Amino acid sequence: MNPRSFSLALLALFLLPETLHATPVFLENVSESGGWYDCNKKTKWKWGSGSMTDRPSGYYSPDNPVDSQLCWAAAASNVLQWWQNTRSDLSPTTPNGKSSTYGNMPEACQLRIYQTLATSWTDKGGSVEQAYNWWFNGGMLPSAFYGTDSTIRDNPSSEGGYWKELNLTVTYDKWGTPDNTPLFNSYTFWEGDTRDGIYSVLKNSINNNWGTTLSIGEYGTGHAITMWGYDMDADGNLIIYLTDSDDYALGMFRQKVIVDDEKHIYLTSVDGENNVYGYNYGEAGLTGTRLGELQSFTAPLGDLRIPEPGTGILSLCGVFLAVSRRRRILR
């Protein structure tokens, strides 16, 4: 079976009847008021008038190097911190919680995980899969499958590998292609997807309590953001809840997911809410950005969880999205 046929077969599994939700559905321990993270780049934040003299001293801390292209590290840090919050077996030596400069600079570089990634990897485009694997196992994955221009620094602040004891390592077949990725899965949207199928892929990543990141950009790639939940509007459009390291703001925001006849997927602001993305798509009659790919962080949650009735784990979790890899680099 070719990859596209396999993709269609998987997608068909997701088109089972779903329960309608009157309220937003979020990842475990997340709500509109908390549990989510919005780690921002320091190079994408404006203090005061924007002059150098208005920057807090934390901006110049060696713990916060230049991070203009580390959106992938910020998005991965959001997910990793959310995940580590569920683990009672967290080692006291594993970077966790607020950054060393949080008290002085709470708007950016807020997570110790992000500081560790930023001081261990070069400031270039990368992928969340590289960040996840390094955090758990150390080292780099083949860039042919997990695109990255960023590499581990010559003198990194850390070697990673904080969760090696879980043995969640990528394995390869005899041709050198990844055949088991227990830490993550991804799905590249394509012209064969249906609107319902696209919505199902997005919703089911949240329903399965998989930390979710999205690749977006003018043409659907180039930038990584974090997805925390979803809702439906009165017209049946999917609304997703997001945080973005590059939006010059702190907090979660909503975007409407629109699919046109060519199966291009757009994120556009909900009516009455501030515009976040400014690409103008005349053919679709909207302003926003395009969505190209979803990545799911699939490491098992720990025992520090708050049960939420009606948010069950799908029985299909073992077959999700192990197809359609392509090299893409996020900045």
Protein backbone atom coordinates (compact mmCIF):
# COMPACT_ATOMS: atom_id res chain seq x y z
CA MET A 1 0.00 0.00 0.00
CA ASN A 2 1.45 3.41 -0.97
CA PRO A 3 1.72 6.19 1.65
CA ARG A 4 -1.25 8.14 0.32
CA SER A 5 -3.49 5.06 0.33
CA PHE A 6 -2.37 4.30 3.86
CA SER A 7 -3.09 7.91 4.79
CA LEU A 8 -6.63 7.59 3.45
CA ALA A 9 -7.12 4.34 5.34
CA LEU A 10 -6.05 5.99 8.57
CA LEU A 11 -8.21 9.00 7.91
CA ALA A 12 -11.23 6.77 7.39
CA LEU A 13 -10.78 5.46 10.90
CA PHE A 14 -11.16 8.97 12.24
CA LEU A 15 -14.47 9.57 10.52
CA LEU A 16 -16.42 7.69 13.14
CA PRO A 17 -19.37 9.46 14.80
CA GLU A 18 -18.17 11.93 17.40
CA THR A 19 -19.83 13.41 20.43
CA LEU A 20 -20.71 17.08 20.04
CA HIS A 21 -19.22 19.30 22.72
CA ALA A 22 -21.11 22.27 24.15
CA THR A 23 -17.93 23.53 25.80
CA PRO A 24 -14.30 23.64 24.63
CA VAL A 25 -12.28 20.42 24.81
CA PHE A 26 -8.73 20.77 26.11
CA LEU A 27 -5.74 18.59 26.86
CA GLU A 28 -5.60 16.98 30.29
CA ASN A 29 -5.21 19.55 33.09
CA VAL A 30 -5.73 22.47 30.65
CA SER A 31 -8.56 25.01 30.67
CA GLU A 32 -9.08 28.47 29.25
CA SER A 33 -7.76 29.91 32.50
CA GLY A 34 -4.65 27.78 33.01
CA GLY A 35 -2.56 24.67 32.46
CA TRP A 36 -1.31 25.86 29.06
CA TYR A 37 2.00 27.57 28.27
CA ASP A 38 2.99 30.39 25.93
CA CYS A 39 6.78 30.49 25.88
CA ASN A 40 7.78 33.51 23.81
CA LYS A 41 11.02 34.32 22.03
CA LYS A 42 12.81 37.30 23.54
CA THR A 43 13.45 38.55 19.99
CA LYS A 44 9.68 38.63 19.39
CA TRP A 45 8.74 40.82 22.34
CA LYS A 46 8.63 44.59 22.58
CA TRP A 47 9.29 46.31 25.89
CA GLY A 48 8.24 49.94 26.25
CA SER A 49 9.12 51.92 23.16
CA GLY A 50 11.17 49.04 21.79
CA SER A 51 14.53 50.64 22.47
CA MET A 52 17.40 48.60 23.88
CA THR A 53 17.29 50.61 27.10
CA ASP A 54 13.74 49.39 27.77
CA ARG A 55 14.76 45.74 27.77
CA PRO A 56 14.95 44.00 31.16
CA SER A 57 18.30 42.71 32.36
CA GLY A 58 17.07 39.14 31.78
CA TYR A 59 17.23 39.84 28.05
CA TYR A 60 21.02 39.84 28.30
CA SER A 61 21.33 36.80 30.56
CA PRO A 62 23.59 34.04 29.16
CA ASP A 63 20.64 31.72 29.87
CA ASN A 64 18.74 33.52 27.09
CA PRO A 65 20.83 33.55 23.87
CA VAL A 66 19.53 34.99 20.60
CA ASP A 67 16.45 32.96 19.68
CA SER A 68 15.06 34.46 16.47
CA GLN A 69 14.54 31.05 14.83
CA LEU A 70 13.66 28.87 17.82
CA CYS A 71 9.88 28.68 17.43
CA TRP A 72 10.21 24.89 17.29
CA ALA A 73 12.03 24.91 20.64
CA ALA A 74 9.42 27.19 22.19
CA ALA A 75 6.49 25.05 20.97
CA ALA A 76 8.22 21.86 22.14
CA SER A 77 8.97 23.48 25.52
CA ASN A 78 5.29 24.27 26.01
CA VAL A 79 4.37 20.64 25.41
CA LEU A 80 7.22 19.19 27.47
CA GLN A 81 6.40 21.38 30.47
CA TRP A 82 2.72 20.42 30.26
CA TRP A 83 3.77 16.75 30.10
CA GLN A 84 6.29 16.97 32.95
CA ASN A 85 3.55 18.47 35.12
CA THR A 86 1.89 15.03 35.03
CA ARG A 87 4.97 13.08 36.14
CA SER A 88 5.47 12.30 39.81
CA ASP A 89 8.74 10.59 38.83
CA LEU A 90 10.33 13.85 37.66
CA SER A 91 13.96 13.96 38.74
CA PRO A 92 15.00 17.04 40.74
CA THR A 93 17.88 17.47 38.28
CA THR A 94 15.60 17.72 35.22
CA PRO A 95 15.04 21.33 34.10
CA ASN A 96 11.46 22.22 34.96
CA GLY A 97 9.19 25.13 35.73
CA LYS A 98 9.96 28.82 35.51
CA SER A 99 13.10 30.12 33.85
CA SER A 100 16.03 31.61 35.74
CA THR A 101 14.96 35.08 34.54
CA TYR A 102 11.20 34.73 35.02
CA GLY A 103 11.06 37.21 37.89
CA ASN A 104 12.73 39.88 35.78
CA MET A 105 11.33 38.94 32.37
CA PRO A 106 7.99 37.06 32.69
CA GLU A 107 6.96 37.89 29.12
CA ALA A 108 9.58 35.82 27.28
CA CYS A 109 11.86 32.79 27.71
CA GLN A 110 9.60 31.84 30.62
CA LEU A 111 10.42 28.13 30.85
CA ARG A 112 13.60 26.49 32.10
CA ILE A 113 13.11 23.81 29.43
CA TYR A 114 13.28 26.49 26.74
CA GLN A 115 16.43 28.01 28.22
CA THR A 116 18.04 24.57 28.22
CA LEU A 117 17.16 24.00 24.56
CA ALA A 118 18.24 27.51 23.54
CA THR A 119 21.64 27.16 25.21
CA SER A 120 22.19 23.67 23.79
CA TRP A 121 21.07 24.12 20.16
CA THR A 122 22.09 26.73 17.60
CA ASP A 123 19.68 29.51 16.66
CA LYS A 124 18.42 28.07 13.39
CA GLY A 125 15.24 26.46 12.14
CA GLY A 126 14.46 22.97 13.39
CA SER A 127 11.66 20.58 14.28
CA VAL A 128 9.78 19.71 17.45
CA GLU A 129 10.64 16.04 16.94
CA GLN A 130 14.34 16.84 17.30
CA ALA A 131 13.60 18.69 20.55
CA TYR A 132 11.48 15.87 21.95
CA ASN A 133 14.04 13.19 21.13
CA TRP A 134 16.94 15.21 22.54
CA TRP A 135 15.04 15.93 25.75
CA PHE A 136 14.24 12.27 26.29
CA ASN A 137 17.20 10.45 24.76
CA GLY A 138 19.93 12.93 23.85
CA GLY A 139 21.53 13.24 20.41
CA MET A 140 20.04 14.14 17.04
CA LEU A 141 17.69 12.32 14.70
CA PRO A 142 18.48 12.02 10.96
CA SER A 143 17.67 15.38 9.38
CA ALA A 144 16.46 13.61 6.23
CA PHE A 145 13.37 12.59 8.21
CA TYR A 146 13.24 15.30 10.88
CA GLY A 147 14.38 18.44 9.13
CA THR A 148 16.69 20.78 11.00
CA ASP A 149 19.28 23.42 10.27
CA SER A 150 19.81 23.80 14.00
CA THR A 151 22.39 21.47 15.52
CA ILE A 152 23.66 20.77 19.00
CA ARG A 153 26.14 23.44 20.04
CA ASP A 154 29.85 22.69 20.34
CA ASN A 155 29.60 23.39 24.07
CA PRO A 156 25.96 22.78 24.96
CA SER A 157 24.67 23.63 28.40
CA SER A 158 23.20 20.12 28.54
CA GLU A 159 23.44 16.77 26.77
CA GLY A 160 19.69 16.16 27.09
CA GLY A 161 18.52 12.60 27.71
CA TYR A 162 16.46 13.43 30.80
CA TRP A 163 14.01 10.55 30.35
CA LYS A 164 16.21 7.77 28.96
CA GLU A 165 14.80 5.31 31.49
CA LEU A 166 11.47 5.33 29.63
CA ASN A 167 13.15 3.83 26.53
CA LEU A 168 11.04 5.89 24.12
CA THR A 169 13.55 5.76 21.28
CA VAL A 170 13.08 5.89 17.52
CA THR A 171 13.86 2.61 15.77
CA TYR A 172 14.63 2.06 12.09
CA ASP A 173 13.93 -0.64 9.52
CA LYS A 174 16.62 -2.33 7.42
CA TRP A 175 16.53 0.55 4.92
CA GLY A 176 17.19 3.12 7.62
CA THR A 177 13.65 4.51 7.64
CA PRO A 178 11.99 5.21 11.01
CA ASP A 179 9.52 2.41 11.74
CA ASN A 180 8.63 3.09 15.37
CA THR A 181 8.37 6.54 16.90
CA PRO A 182 6.95 6.15 20.43
CA LEU A 183 7.53 9.82 21.26
CA PHE A 184 5.66 11.45 18.38
CA ASN A 185 3.63 11.12 15.21
CA SER A 186 2.94 13.62 12.47
CA TYR A 187 0.45 14.22 9.68
CA THR A 188 1.01 16.32 6.57
CA PHE A 189 -2.27 17.62 5.20
CA TRP A 190 -2.75 17.18 1.44
CA GLU A 191 -5.24 17.75 -1.35
CA GLY A 192 -6.90 14.37 -0.79
CA ASP A 193 -8.11 15.31 2.69
CA THR A 194 -11.74 16.20 3.29
CA ARG A 195 -12.91 18.99 5.57
CA ASP A 196 -14.31 16.46 8.05
CA GLY A 197 -11.09 14.47 7.88
CA ILE A 198 -8.99 17.55 8.58
CA TYR A 199 -11.18 18.45 11.53
CA SER A 200 -10.96 14.89 12.86
CA VAL A 201 -7.15 14.83 12.72
CA LEU A 202 -6.97 18.08 14.70
CA LYS A 203 -9.59 17.08 17.26
CA ASN A 204 -8.37 13.54 17.80
CA SER A 205 -4.86 14.67 18.69
CA ILE A 206 -6.41 16.62 21.57
CA ASN A 207 -8.91 13.87 22.43
CA ASN A 208 -6.03 11.45 22.83
CA ASN A 209 -4.23 13.84 25.22
CA TRP A 210 -1.31 14.16 22.85
CA GLY A 211 0.64 17.41 23.14
CA THR A 212 -0.07 19.07 19.80
CA THR A 213 1.94 21.45 17.65
CA LEU A 214 1.12 22.81 14.20
CA SER A 215 3.25 23.93 11.27
CA ILE A 216 1.89 27.12 9.74
CA GLY A 217 3.02 29.90 7.41
CA GLU A 218 2.08 31.82 4.29
CA TYR A 219 2.14 28.52 2.38
CA GLY A 220 1.51 26.24 5.34
CA THR A 221 4.98 25.69 6.76
CA GLY A 222 7.95 27.49 8.34
CA HIS A 223 6.62 28.27 11.82
CA ALA A 224 5.63 26.11 14.82
CA ILE A 225 2.81 26.90 17.27
CA THR A 226 1.09 24.99 20.07
CA MET A 227 -2.54 23.79 20.07
CA TRP A 228 -4.31 23.24 23.41
CA GLY A 229 -7.93 22.55 22.58
CA TYR A 230 -10.87 23.01 20.24
CA ASP A 231 -14.52 23.98 19.98
CA MET A 232 -17.15 24.27 17.25
CA ASP A 233 -19.03 27.43 16.29
CA ALA A 234 -22.70 27.66 15.39
CA ASP A 235 -21.90 27.22 11.69
CA GLY A 236 -19.99 23.98 12.24
CA ASN A 237 -16.53 25.50 11.85
CA LEU A 238 -13.73 24.15 14.02
CA ILE A 239 -12.26 26.66 16.47
CA ILE A 240 -8.82 25.84 17.88
CA TYR A 241 -7.03 27.27 20.93
CA LEU A 242 -3.40 28.22 20.37
CA THR A 243 -0.29 29.87 21.75
CA ASP A 244 2.48 31.32 19.56
CA SER A 245 6.05 32.29 20.46
CA ASP A 246 6.07 35.03 17.80
CA ASP A 247 2.77 36.87 18.29
CA TYR A 248 4.15 39.65 20.52
CA ALA A 249 1.54 38.74 23.12
CA LEU A 250 1.11 36.58 26.19
CA GLY A 251 -1.88 34.26 26.36
CA MET A 252 -4.00 31.75 24.52
CA PHE A 253 -6.04 32.84 21.49
CA ARG A 254 -8.55 31.27 19.11
CA GLN A 255 -8.53 30.68 15.37
CA LYS A 256 -11.21 29.41 13.00
CA VAL A 257 -10.17 26.57 10.68
CA ILE A 258 -11.38 27.15 7.11
CA VAL A 259 -10.93 24.65 4.25
CA ASP A 260 -11.38 25.86 0.66
CA ASP A 261 -12.28 23.88 -2.45
CA GLU A 262 -8.59 23.27 -3.21
CA LYS A 263 -8.18 21.76 0.29
CA HIS A 264 -5.99 24.62 1.46
CA ILE A 265 -6.39 25.00 5.21
CA TYR A 266 -6.54 28.49 6.68
CA LEU A 267 -6.45 29.79 10.22
CA THR A 268 -8.31 33.06 10.59
CA SER A 269 -9.37 35.06 13.62
CA VAL A 270 -12.80 34.52 15.12
CA ASP A 271 -15.24 37.35 14.36
CA GLY A 272 -14.86 40.17 16.86
CA GLU A 273 -11.42 39.05 18.06
CA ASN A 274 -8.04 40.56 17.22
CA ASN A 275 -6.29 39.45 14.05
CA VAL A 276 -3.19 37.40 14.82
CA TYR A 277 -1.95 36.41 11.36
CA GLY A 278 -1.81 38.91 8.53
CA TYR A 279 -1.37 37.04 5.25
CA ASN A 280 -4.02 38.12 2.76
CA TYR A 281 -5.61 35.29 0.79
CA GLY A 282 -7.76 36.97 -1.82
CA GLU A 283 -8.83 33.66 -3.36
CA ALA A 284 -10.32 32.61 -0.02
CA GLY A 285 -11.54 36.07 0.95
CA LEU A 286 -9.79 36.08 4.31
CA THR A 287 -6.75 37.19 6.26
CA GLY A 288 -4.80 34.70 8.35
CA THR A 289 -2.24 31.96 7.74
CA ARG A 290 -2.19 28.47 6.26
CA LEU A 291 -1.88 25.19 8.14
CA GLY A 292 0.31 22.45 6.67
CA GLU A 293 1.14 19.84 9.27
CA LEU A 294 0.32 18.54 12.75
CA GLN A 295 2.74 16.90 15.18
CA SER A 296 1.54 14.87 18.16
CA PHE A 297 3.69 14.20 21.24
CA THR A 298 2.62 10.71 22.30
CA ALA A 299 4.70 9.91 25.40
CA PRO A 300 2.43 8.45 28.11
CA LEU A 301 1.15 10.88 30.69
CA GLY A 302 2.11 10.37 34.31
CA ASP A 303 -0.13 9.90 37.33
CA LEU A 304 -0.63 13.57 38.25
CA ARG A 305 -3.85 13.99 36.33
CA ILE A 306 -7.25 15.53 36.98
CA PRO A 307 -9.99 13.34 35.44
CA GLU A 308 -12.43 15.22 33.22
CA PRO A 309 -15.73 13.43 32.44
CA GLY A 310 -16.48 13.10 28.77
CA THR A 311 -12.90 13.45 27.57
CA GLY A 312 -11.94 9.86 26.90
CA ILE A 313 -8.83 8.52 25.23
CA LEU A 314 -9.68 7.16 21.79
CA SER A 315 -9.18 3.46 21.22
CA LEU A 316 -7.49 4.22 17.91
CA CYS A 317 -4.44 5.87 19.49
CA GLY A 318 -2.09 3.13 18.33
CA VAL A 319 -2.63 3.75 14.62
CA PHE A 320 -2.47 7.53 14.37
CA LEU A 321 -0.51 9.37 11.73
CA ALA A 322 2.60 7.27 11.13
CA VAL A 323 2.69 8.39 7.50
CA SER A 324 3.62 11.11 5.04
CA ARG A 325 6.90 12.38 6.46
CA ARG A 326 8.56 15.18 4.58
CA ARG A 327 11.52 17.36 5.41
CA ARG A 328 10.41 20.71 6.84
CA ILE A 329 12.22 23.24 8.99
CA LEU A 330 10.43 25.58 11.38
CA ARG A 331 11.58 29.02 12.46
